[in-house]
Amino acid sequence: MSGERFGEFVRRAREAKDIGLREMAKMIGVSPTYLSKVERDEFAPPAEDKVKAIAQIIGCDVDELLARGGRVASDLSDIIKRHPVELAALLRTTKGLNTEDIARLARNAQKAKDK
């Protein structure tokens, strides 16, 4: 993930898809003025449902876009709240692992879950 801020990233991706500001605002259910201020990072990123809609429109991973906005998906928060000690330990063990190692860990966890 690049160091690009949420608004910068959304604007660049929207323009790359040749979607106008007004069109995008209408698609996600906000005013063009509000979206413009979000894209200029004058306003904080919108609520999770709007971020999810933006991610779908620009073809971006929802979790990545939420992270750019300094957020975590509500379903992840719920999962962590059910097993806080175990998941905190698991997440802390991933510190220092590269992306490939973390992906392998996730695949192994999925295999264990599927058994």
Protein backbone atom coordinates (compact mmCIF):
# COMPACT_ATOMS: atom_id res chain seq x y z
CA MET A 1 0.00 0.00 0.00
CA SER A 2 1.50 3.33 -1.02
CA GLY A 3 1.70 6.31 1.33
CA GLU A 4 -1.03 8.07 -0.58
CA ARG A 5 -3.76 9.46 1.67
CA PHE A 6 -7.37 8.28 1.40
CA GLY A 7 -8.69 11.26 -0.56
CA GLU A 8 -5.73 11.41 -2.94
CA PHE A 9 -6.07 7.71 -3.66
CA VAL A 10 -9.82 7.91 -4.30
CA ARG A 11 -9.48 10.93 -6.59
CA ARG A 12 -6.69 9.33 -8.63
CA ALA A 13 -8.59 6.05 -8.95
CA ARG A 14 -11.86 7.79 -9.85
CA GLU A 15 -10.17 9.89 -12.52
CA ALA A 16 -8.36 6.81 -13.88
CA LYS A 17 -11.78 5.18 -14.33
CA ASP A 18 -12.99 8.38 -16.05
CA ILE A 19 -15.79 8.86 -13.53
CA GLY A 20 -16.83 12.44 -12.84
CA LEU A 21 -17.04 13.81 -9.33
CA ARG A 22 -20.80 14.42 -9.55
CA GLU A 23 -21.39 10.96 -11.01
CA MET A 24 -19.41 9.27 -8.25
CA ALA A 25 -21.11 11.34 -5.54
CA LYS A 26 -24.50 10.30 -6.86
CA MET A 27 -23.43 6.64 -7.03
CA ILE A 28 -22.45 6.60 -3.35
CA GLY A 29 -25.23 8.86 -2.10
CA VAL A 30 -23.31 11.96 -1.02
CA SER A 31 -23.12 15.53 -2.27
CA PRO A 32 -20.45 16.48 -4.80
CA THR A 33 -19.19 19.14 -2.37
CA TYR A 34 -18.73 16.56 0.37
CA LEU A 35 -16.93 14.12 -1.95
CA SER A 36 -14.69 16.91 -3.22
CA LYS A 37 -13.66 17.77 0.34
CA VAL A 38 -13.03 14.09 1.11
CA GLU A 39 -10.84 13.80 -1.99
CA ARG A 40 -8.89 16.88 -0.93
CA ASP A 41 -8.50 15.30 2.53
CA GLU A 42 -10.31 18.25 4.10
CA PHE A 43 -12.92 15.86 5.53
CA ALA A 44 -12.34 12.49 7.12
CA PRO A 45 -13.21 9.44 5.04
CA PRO A 46 -16.93 8.66 4.98
CA ALA A 47 -18.72 5.91 6.89
CA GLU A 48 -17.91 2.27 6.21
CA ASP A 49 -20.86 1.69 3.87
CA LYS A 50 -19.77 4.63 1.68
CA VAL A 51 -16.14 3.46 1.68
CA LYS A 52 -17.32 0.00 0.58
CA ALA A 53 -19.33 1.57 -2.24
CA ILE A 54 -16.33 3.65 -3.34
CA ALA A 55 -14.09 0.57 -3.30
CA GLN A 56 -16.52 -1.33 -5.51
CA ILE A 57 -16.81 1.55 -7.98
CA ILE A 58 -13.06 2.13 -8.31
CA GLY A 59 -12.18 -1.57 -8.21
CA CYS A 60 -10.19 -1.47 -5.00
CA ASP A 61 -10.04 -3.96 -2.15
CA VAL A 62 -12.45 -2.82 0.59
CA ASP A 63 -10.06 -3.62 3.45
CA GLU A 64 -7.24 -1.71 1.77
CA LEU A 65 -9.43 1.35 1.26
CA LEU A 66 -10.72 1.19 4.83
CA ALA A 67 -7.12 0.97 6.07
CA ARG A 68 -6.20 4.06 4.04
CA GLY A 69 -8.97 5.80 5.94
CA GLY A 70 -7.62 4.59 9.27
CA ARG A 71 -10.44 2.11 9.79
CA VAL A 72 -11.02 -1.61 10.10
CA ALA A 73 -14.13 -3.35 8.76
CA SER A 74 -16.83 -3.78 11.40
CA ASP A 75 -16.97 -7.54 10.83
CA LEU A 76 -13.29 -7.77 11.79
CA SER A 77 -13.89 -5.77 14.94
CA ASP A 78 -16.70 -8.17 15.86
CA ILE A 79 -14.44 -11.20 15.32
CA ILE A 80 -11.69 -9.66 17.45
CA LYS A 81 -14.15 -8.84 20.23
CA ARG A 82 -15.22 -12.52 20.40
CA HIS A 83 -11.61 -13.76 20.84
CA PRO A 84 -9.56 -10.72 21.93
CA VAL A 85 -6.66 -12.46 23.67
CA GLU A 86 -6.10 -15.14 21.03
CA LEU A 87 -6.44 -12.80 18.06
CA ALA A 88 -4.25 -10.14 19.61
CA ALA A 89 -1.57 -12.79 20.11
CA LEU A 90 -2.01 -14.02 16.54
CA LEU A 91 -1.76 -10.54 15.07
CA ARG A 92 1.29 -9.71 17.16
CA THR A 93 3.05 -12.83 15.89
CA THR A 94 2.67 -11.54 12.34
CA LYS A 95 4.77 -8.45 13.10
CA GLY A 96 7.85 -8.66 10.93
CA LEU A 97 6.38 -11.18 8.49
CA ASN A 98 6.25 -10.23 4.83
CA THR A 99 3.08 -10.19 2.76
CA GLU A 100 3.71 -13.65 1.34
CA ASP A 101 4.17 -15.18 4.80
CA ILE A 102 0.97 -13.59 6.06
CA ALA A 103 -0.94 -14.82 2.99
CA ARG A 104 0.40 -18.34 3.62
CA LEU A 105 -0.72 -18.12 7.24
CA ALA A 106 -4.20 -17.03 6.11
CA ARG A 107 -4.42 -19.94 3.65
CA ASN A 108 -3.41 -22.40 6.37
CA ALA A 109 -6.01 -20.94 8.73
CA GLN A 110 -8.66 -21.32 5.99
CA LYS A 111 -7.66 -24.96 5.46
CA ALA A 112 -7.96 -25.60 9.22
CA LYS A 113 -11.36 -23.92 9.26
CA ASP A 114 -12.58 -26.01 6.31
CA LYS A 115 -11.72 -29.32 8.02
